[in-house]
C-alpha atoms as a PDB file:
ATOM      1  CA  UNK A   1     -12.096  -6.356  16.473  1.00  0.00           C
ATOM      2  CA  UNK A   2     -10.384  -8.639  13.985  1.00  0.00           C
ATOM      3  CA  UNK A   3      -7.084 -10.198  14.845  1.00  0.00           C
ATOM      4  CA  UNK A   4      -5.121 -11.659  11.989  1.00  0.00           C
ATOM      5  CA  UNK A   5      -2.095 -13.715  12.984  1.00  0.00           C
ATOM      6  CA  UNK A   6       0.810 -15.186  11.059  1.00  0.00           C
ATOM      7  CA  UNK A   7      -0.444 -18.727  11.498  1.00  0.00           C
ATOM      8  CA  UNK A   8      -3.695 -18.033   9.636  1.00  0.00           C
ATOM      9  CA  UNK A   9      -4.066 -19.397   6.094  1.00  0.00           C
ATOM     10  CA  UNK A  10      -3.974 -16.658   3.453  1.00  0.00           C
ATOM     11  CA  UNK A  11      -7.022 -17.865   1.494  1.00  0.00           C
ATOM     12  CA  UNK A  12      -9.127 -17.978   4.672  1.00  0.00           C
ATOM     13  CA  UNK A  13      -8.054 -14.434   5.616  1.00  0.00           C
ATOM     14  CA  UNK A  14      -8.926 -13.125   2.148  1.00  0.00           C
ATOM     15  CA  UNK A  15     -12.290 -14.899   2.179  1.00  0.00           C
ATOM     16  CA  UNK A  16     -13.202 -13.436   5.566  1.00  0.00           C
ATOM     17  CA  UNK A  17     -11.597 -10.016   5.006  1.00  0.00           C
ATOM     18  CA  UNK A  18     -11.552  -9.068   1.293  1.00  0.00           C
ATOM     19  CA  UNK A  19      -9.846  -5.749   2.117  1.00  0.00           C
ATOM     20  CA  UNK A  20      -6.657  -7.721   2.825  1.00  0.00           C
ATOM     21  CA  UNK A  21      -6.120  -8.532  -0.863  1.00  0.00           C
ATOM     22  CA  UNK A  22      -4.615  -5.075  -1.420  1.00  0.00           C
ATOM     23  CA  UNK A  23      -2.232  -5.530   1.516  1.00  0.00           C
ATOM     24  CA  UNK A  24      -0.998  -8.895   0.242  1.00  0.00           C
ATOM     25  CA  UNK A  25      -0.477  -7.304  -3.189  1.00  0.00           C
ATOM     26  CA  UNK A  26       1.265  -4.229  -1.745  1.00  0.00           C
ATOM     27  CA  UNK A  27       3.673  -6.475   0.171  1.00  0.00           C
ATOM     28  CA  UNK A  28       4.101  -8.695  -2.899  1.00  0.00           C
ATOM     29  CA  UNK A  29       3.030 -11.810  -1.013  1.00  0.00           C
ATOM     30  CA  UNK A  30       1.899 -14.597  -3.320  1.00  0.00           C
ATOM     31  CA  UNK A  31      -1.742 -14.976  -2.314  1.00  0.00           C
ATOM     32  CA  UNK A  32      -2.481 -17.171  -5.318  1.00  0.00           C
ATOM     33  CA  UNK A  33      -0.068 -20.103  -5.317  1.00  0.00           C
ATOM     34  CA  UNK A  34       0.905 -19.402  -1.700  1.00  0.00           C
ATOM     35  CA  UNK A  35      -2.697 -18.875  -0.605  1.00  0.00           C
ATOM     36  CA  UNK A  36      -3.117 -22.338   0.867  1.00  0.00           C
ATOM     37  CA  UNK A  37      -0.308 -21.796   3.366  1.00  0.00           C
ATOM     38  CA  UNK A  38      -0.092 -19.762   6.565  1.00  0.00           C
ATOM     39  CA  UNK A  39       0.783 -16.082   6.195  1.00  0.00           C
ATOM     40  CA  UNK A  40       4.140 -16.437   7.939  1.00  0.00           C
ATOM     41  CA  UNK A  41       5.262 -19.334   5.733  1.00  0.00           C
ATOM     42  CA  UNK A  42       4.439 -17.595   2.454  1.00  0.00           C
ATOM     43  CA  UNK A  43       5.701 -14.183   3.625  1.00  0.00           C
ATOM     44  CA  UNK A  44       9.050 -15.610   4.738  1.00  0.00           C
ATOM     45  CA  UNK A  45       9.383 -17.500   1.473  1.00  0.00           C
ATOM     46  CA  UNK A  46       8.692 -14.245  -0.398  1.00  0.00           C
ATOM     47  CA  UNK A  47      11.206 -12.312   1.754  1.00  0.00           C
ATOM     48  CA  UNK A  48       8.599 -10.183   3.523  1.00  0.00           C
ATOM     49  CA  UNK A  49       8.693  -8.891   7.111  1.00  0.00           C
ATOM     50  CA  UNK A  50       5.995 -11.030   8.751  1.00  0.00           C
ATOM     51  CA  UNK A  51       5.347  -8.687  11.681  1.00  0.00           C
ATOM     52  CA  UNK A  52       4.948  -5.667   9.403  1.00  0.00           C
ATOM     53  CA  UNK A  53       2.621  -7.581   7.109  1.00  0.00           C
ATOM     54  CA  UNK A  54       0.436  -8.798   9.976  1.00  0.00           C
ATOM     55  CA  UNK A  55       0.218  -5.255  11.388  1.00  0.00           C
ATOM     56  CA  UNK A  56      -0.815  -3.931   7.960  1.00  0.00           C
ATOM     57  CA  UNK A  57      -3.407  -6.684   7.535  1.00  0.00           C
ATOM     58  CA  UNK A  58      -4.972  -5.902  10.913  1.00  0.00           C
ATOM     59  CA  UNK A  59      -4.970  -2.179  10.146  1.00  0.00           C
ATOM     60  CA  UNK A  60      -6.765  -2.865   6.859  1.00  0.00           C
ATOM     61  CA  UNK A  61      -9.606  -4.745   8.520  1.00  0.00           C
ATOM     62  CA  UNK A  62      -9.992  -2.207  11.331  1.00  0.00           C
ATOM     63  CA  UNK A  63     -10.743   0.639   8.907  1.00  0.00           C
ATOM     64  CA  UNK A  64     -14.525   1.187   8.714  1.00  0.00           C
ATOM     65  CA  UNK A  65     -15.856  -0.099   5.416  1.00  0.00           C
ATOM     66  CA  UNK A  66     -17.358   2.460   3.063  1.00  0.00           C
ATOM     67  CA  UNK A  67     -21.102   2.612   3.441  1.00  0.00           C
ATOM     68  CA  UNK A  68     -21.099   0.831   6.805  1.00  0.00           C
ATOM     69  CA  UNK A  69     -22.749   3.822   8.463  1.00  0.00           C
ATOM     70  CA  UNK A  70     -25.482   3.755   5.824  1.00  0.00           C
ATOM     71  CA  UNK A  71     -26.556   0.232   6.787  1.00  0.00           C
ATOM     72  CA  UNK A  72     -28.018   1.325  10.142  1.00  0.00           C
END
C-alpha cells in the first residue's frame, strides 16, 4: 500500500506514481514550477487544502491499474 505524505517532493511522487498527475491538475497544484518542493509547501502556496489533496493522491494510487490483472 502506497502512502503519500505532505512532506514528499511532488516530482518524486509523480515519477513513482504517474496516476497522481491528474490529481495535482484537478486540485490546480503547480506540479511544474512547484514540482521540486514538498506537496504541502506548494499546495499551501497555491491555496489548496493539503489534507484533502494528500487523501486524493493516496486514493489515486490505491486504485488497481488497468490491465494489472492481465499481467498474472
